[in-house]
């Protein structure tokens, strides 16, 4: 049993059933609640768009898991010193790759979004698929 003096858990995980559509609504609600519990919903002065950027990264990673990964398996948020780490696991072992972008290109901007909004990101293949993670600085 948790009481009000217990610290908030630094890691939260949301699992998804086997399906391919993006569970974006529940995932964004889950992310909002985690950021609020970690006192990151109200933006720090030096990162005024932290909450919005985190929601964009969650949406991007979930969409990619649906479009290229056979559907998301989980969303994990972790509060680390100086950062929030977002991880989405999917069902495909193929790692993300950069695609050509430019006028009229319908796809390929996901890595641009990650490069601009995060301090670093990467992917790891596992036996059941892969995990794509991204870190956003909290201050």
C-alpha atoms as a PDB file:
ATOM      1  CA  UNK A   1       0.000   0.000   0.000  1.00  0.00           C
ATOM      2  CA  UNK A   2       1.276   3.447  -0.953  1.00  0.00           C
ATOM      3  CA  UNK A   3       0.900   6.477   1.262  1.00  0.00           C
ATOM      4  CA  UNK A   4       1.351  10.134   0.340  1.00  0.00           C
ATOM      5  CA  UNK A   5       4.903  10.266   1.690  1.00  0.00           C
ATOM      6  CA  UNK A   6       6.098   7.491  -0.650  1.00  0.00           C
ATOM      7  CA  UNK A   7       7.994   8.754  -3.687  1.00  0.00           C
ATOM      8  CA  UNK A   8       6.383   8.298  -7.072  1.00  0.00           C
ATOM      9  CA  UNK A   9       7.694   5.217  -8.866  1.00  0.00           C
ATOM     10  CA  UNK A  10      10.344   6.267 -11.399  1.00  0.00           C
ATOM     11  CA  UNK A  11       9.127   3.793 -14.027  1.00  0.00           C
ATOM     12  CA  UNK A  12       5.635   3.218 -15.370  1.00  0.00           C
ATOM     13  CA  UNK A  13       4.553   0.687 -17.975  1.00  0.00           C
ATOM     14  CA  UNK A  14       1.403   0.355 -20.070  1.00  0.00           C
ATOM     15  CA  UNK A  15       0.921  -2.935 -21.949  1.00  0.00           C
ATOM     16  CA  UNK A  16      -1.184  -3.282 -25.086  1.00  0.00           C
ATOM     17  CA  UNK A  17      -3.116  -6.283 -26.355  1.00  0.00           C
ATOM     18  CA  UNK A  18      -2.082  -7.862 -29.661  1.00  0.00           C
ATOM     19  CA  UNK A  19      -3.506  -5.424 -32.191  1.00  0.00           C
ATOM     20  CA  UNK A  20      -2.115  -3.084 -34.791  1.00  0.00           C
ATOM     21  CA  UNK A  21      -4.121   0.138 -34.362  1.00  0.00           C
ATOM     22  CA  UNK A  22      -2.478   2.880 -32.357  1.00  0.00           C
ATOM     23  CA  UNK A  23      -3.755   3.082 -28.782  1.00  0.00           C
ATOM     24  CA  UNK A  24      -2.817   6.759 -28.785  1.00  0.00           C
ATOM     25  CA  UNK A  25      -5.615   8.122 -26.570  1.00  0.00           C
ATOM     26  CA  UNK A  26      -4.962   5.830 -23.593  1.00  0.00           C
ATOM     27  CA  UNK A  27      -1.194   6.202 -24.046  1.00  0.00           C
ATOM     28  CA  UNK A  28      -1.363  10.000 -23.990  1.00  0.00           C
ATOM     29  CA  UNK A  29      -3.558   9.924 -20.866  1.00  0.00           C
ATOM     30  CA  UNK A  30      -1.070   7.523 -19.252  1.00  0.00           C
ATOM     31  CA  UNK A  31       1.790   9.893 -20.177  1.00  0.00           C
ATOM     32  CA  UNK A  32      -0.016  12.965 -18.822  1.00  0.00           C
ATOM     33  CA  UNK A  33      -0.651  11.211 -15.504  1.00  0.00           C
ATOM     34  CA  UNK A  34       2.994  10.123 -15.199  1.00  0.00           C
ATOM     35  CA  UNK A  35       4.326  13.597 -15.985  1.00  0.00           C
ATOM     36  CA  UNK A  36       1.923  15.150 -13.476  1.00  0.00           C
ATOM     37  CA  UNK A  37       2.954  12.652 -10.779  1.00  0.00           C
ATOM     38  CA  UNK A  38       6.602  13.479 -11.449  1.00  0.00           C
ATOM     39  CA  UNK A  39       5.809  17.229 -11.298  1.00  0.00           C
ATOM     40  CA  UNK A  40       6.774  17.636 -14.958  1.00  0.00           C
ATOM     41  CA  UNK A  41       3.362  18.525 -16.374  1.00  0.00           C
ATOM     42  CA  UNK A  42       3.862  22.158 -15.475  1.00  0.00           C
ATOM     43  CA  UNK A  43       6.869  23.016 -17.610  1.00  0.00           C
ATOM     44  CA  UNK A  44      10.192  23.847 -16.001  1.00  0.00           C
ATOM     45  CA  UNK A  45      11.342  27.377 -16.927  1.00  0.00           C
ATOM     46  CA  UNK A  46      14.233  26.096 -19.040  1.00  0.00           C
ATOM     47  CA  UNK A  47      12.062  23.487 -20.844  1.00  0.00           C
ATOM     48  CA  UNK A  48       8.698  25.218 -21.437  1.00  0.00           C
ATOM     49  CA  UNK A  49       7.559  22.603 -23.977  1.00  0.00           C
ATOM     50  CA  UNK A  50       8.635  19.454 -22.121  1.00  0.00           C
ATOM     51  CA  UNK A  51       5.126  18.021 -21.680  1.00  0.00           C
ATOM     52  CA  UNK A  52       4.103  18.782 -25.270  1.00  0.00           C
ATOM     53  CA  UNK A  53       7.371  17.386 -26.638  1.00  0.00           C
ATOM     54  CA  UNK A  54       6.973  14.217 -24.574  1.00  0.00           C
ATOM     55  CA  UNK A  55       3.433  13.704 -25.880  1.00  0.00           C
ATOM     56  CA  UNK A  56       4.655  14.193 -29.466  1.00  0.00           C
ATOM     57  CA  UNK A  57       7.421  11.628 -28.987  1.00  0.00           C
ATOM     58  CA  UNK A  58       4.986   9.108 -27.458  1.00  0.00           C
ATOM     59  CA  UNK A  59       2.602   9.602 -30.386  1.00  0.00           C
ATOM     60  CA  UNK A  60       5.408   9.267 -32.947  1.00  0.00           C
ATOM     61  CA  UNK A  61       6.837   6.083 -31.422  1.00  0.00           C
ATOM     62  CA  UNK A  62       3.381   4.493 -31.111  1.00  0.00           C
ATOM     63  CA  UNK A  63       2.466   5.397 -34.687  1.00  0.00           C
ATOM     64  CA  UNK A  64       5.712   3.909 -35.939  1.00  0.00           C
ATOM     65  CA  UNK A  65       5.083   0.738 -33.945  1.00  0.00           C
ATOM     66  CA  UNK A  66       1.724   0.436 -35.712  1.00  0.00           C
ATOM     67  CA  UNK A  67       2.966   1.357 -39.181  1.00  0.00           C
ATOM     68  CA  UNK A  68       6.248  -0.549 -39.190  1.00  0.00           C
ATOM     69  CA  UNK A  69       6.388  -2.790 -36.131  1.00  0.00           C
ATOM     70  CA  UNK A  70       3.316  -5.017 -36.236  1.00  0.00           C
ATOM     71  CA  UNK A  71       1.711  -3.061 -33.400  1.00  0.00           C
ATOM     72  CA  UNK A  72       2.940  -1.836 -30.023  1.00  0.00           C
ATOM     73  CA  UNK A  73       3.486  -4.260 -27.149  1.00  0.00           C
ATOM     74  CA  UNK A  74       4.087  -1.658 -24.432  1.00  0.00           C
ATOM     75  CA  UNK A  75       4.855   1.932 -23.563  1.00  0.00           C
ATOM     76  CA  UNK A  76       7.289   2.558 -20.744  1.00  0.00           C
ATOM     77  CA  UNK A  77       8.076   5.927 -19.175  1.00  0.00           C
ATOM     78  CA  UNK A  78      11.027   6.339 -16.865  1.00  0.00           C
ATOM     79  CA  UNK A  79      12.025   9.356 -14.805  1.00  0.00           C
ATOM     80  CA  UNK A  80      15.808   9.552 -14.757  1.00  0.00           C
ATOM     81  CA  UNK A  81      18.118  12.211 -13.347  1.00  0.00           C
ATOM     82  CA  UNK A  82      17.754  15.103 -15.788  1.00  0.00           C
ATOM     83  CA  UNK A  83      15.614  13.193 -18.290  1.00  0.00           C
ATOM     84  CA  UNK A  84      12.423  11.353 -19.108  1.00  0.00           C
ATOM     85  CA  UNK A  85      12.922   8.190 -21.151  1.00  0.00           C
ATOM     86  CA  UNK A  86      10.109   6.994 -23.427  1.00  0.00           C
ATOM     87  CA  UNK A  87      10.288   3.405 -24.708  1.00  0.00           C
ATOM     88  CA  UNK A  88       7.867   1.652 -27.040  1.00  0.00           C
ATOM     89  CA  UNK A  89       8.196  -2.053 -27.702  1.00  0.00           C
ATOM     90  CA  UNK A  90       6.776  -3.559 -30.867  1.00  0.00           C
ATOM     91  CA  UNK A  91       6.547  -6.928 -32.617  1.00  0.00           C
ATOM     92  CA  UNK A  92       9.121  -6.460 -35.401  1.00  0.00           C
ATOM     93  CA  UNK A  93      12.875  -6.975 -34.957  1.00  0.00           C
ATOM     94  CA  UNK A  94      13.797  -4.653 -37.858  1.00  0.00           C
ATOM     95  CA  UNK A  95      15.442  -1.527 -36.474  1.00  0.00           C
ATOM     96  CA  UNK A  96      14.316   1.935 -37.609  1.00  0.00           C
ATOM     97  CA  UNK A  97      16.238   3.546 -40.438  1.00  0.00           C
ATOM     98  CA  UNK A  98      16.347   7.032 -41.846  1.00  0.00           C
ATOM     99  CA  UNK A  99      14.298   7.572 -44.968  1.00  0.00           C
ATOM    100  CA  UNK A 100      14.712  10.320 -47.516  1.00  0.00           C
ATOM    101  CA  UNK A 101      12.646  13.383 -46.650  1.00  0.00           C
ATOM    102  CA  UNK A 102      11.679  16.352 -48.688  1.00  0.00           C
ATOM    103  CA  UNK A 103       8.792  18.099 -50.374  1.00  0.00           C
ATOM    104  CA  UNK A 104       6.028  15.642 -51.132  1.00  0.00           C
ATOM    105  CA  UNK A 105       7.555  12.781 -49.117  1.00  0.00           C
ATOM    106  CA  UNK A 106       4.685  11.145 -47.203  1.00  0.00           C
ATOM    107  CA  UNK A 107       6.940   9.425 -44.666  1.00  0.00           C
ATOM    108  CA  UNK A 108      10.402   9.627 -43.214  1.00  0.00           C
ATOM    109  CA  UNK A 109       9.998  12.490 -40.781  1.00  0.00           C
ATOM    110  CA  UNK A 110       9.869  10.396 -37.599  1.00  0.00           C
ATOM    111  CA  UNK A 111      13.621  10.412 -37.140  1.00  0.00           C
ATOM    112  CA  UNK A 112      13.649  14.180 -37.765  1.00  0.00           C
ATOM    113  CA  UNK A 113      11.091  14.619 -34.973  1.00  0.00           C
ATOM    114  CA  UNK A 114      13.182  12.462 -32.634  1.00  0.00           C
ATOM    115  CA  UNK A 115      16.391  14.294 -33.537  1.00  0.00           C
ATOM    116  CA  UNK A 116      14.823  17.691 -32.837  1.00  0.00           C
ATOM    117  CA  UNK A 117      12.857  16.933 -29.667  1.00  0.00           C
ATOM    118  CA  UNK A 118      15.107  14.484 -27.833  1.00  0.00           C
ATOM    119  CA  UNK A 119      18.628  14.519 -26.487  1.00  0.00           C
ATOM    120  CA  UNK A 120      19.220  11.014 -27.801  1.00  0.00           C
ATOM    121  CA  UNK A 121      17.312   8.015 -29.078  1.00  0.00           C
ATOM    122  CA  UNK A 122      17.955   4.485 -30.254  1.00  0.00           C
ATOM    123  CA  UNK A 123      16.554   1.014 -30.752  1.00  0.00           C
ATOM    124  CA  UNK A 124      17.364  -2.484 -29.559  1.00  0.00           C
ATOM    125  CA  UNK A 125      16.218  -5.712 -31.219  1.00  0.00           C
ATOM    126  CA  UNK A 126      15.070  -8.525 -28.952  1.00  0.00           C
ATOM    127  CA  UNK A 127      13.596 -11.988 -29.345  1.00  0.00           C
ATOM    128  CA  UNK A 128       9.975 -10.760 -29.483  1.00  0.00           C
ATOM    129  CA  UNK A 129      10.514  -7.569 -31.483  1.00  0.00           C
ATOM    130  CA  UNK A 130      12.334  -4.350 -30.740  1.00  0.00           C
ATOM    131  CA  UNK A 131      12.292  -1.456 -28.320  1.00  0.00           C
ATOM    132  CA  UNK A 132      12.670   2.104 -29.562  1.00  0.00           C
ATOM    133  CA  UNK A 133      13.589   4.618 -26.873  1.00  0.00           C
ATOM    134  CA  UNK A 134      14.067   8.363 -26.679  1.00  0.00           C
ATOM    135  CA  UNK A 135      15.193  10.690 -23.899  1.00  0.00           C
ATOM    136  CA  UNK A 136      13.984  14.228 -23.285  1.00  0.00           C
ATOM    137  CA  UNK A 137      15.924  16.551 -21.004  1.00  0.00           C
ATOM    138  CA  UNK A 138      13.954  17.758 -17.982  1.00  0.00           C
ATOM    139  CA  UNK A 139      16.116  20.735 -17.195  1.00  0.00           C
END
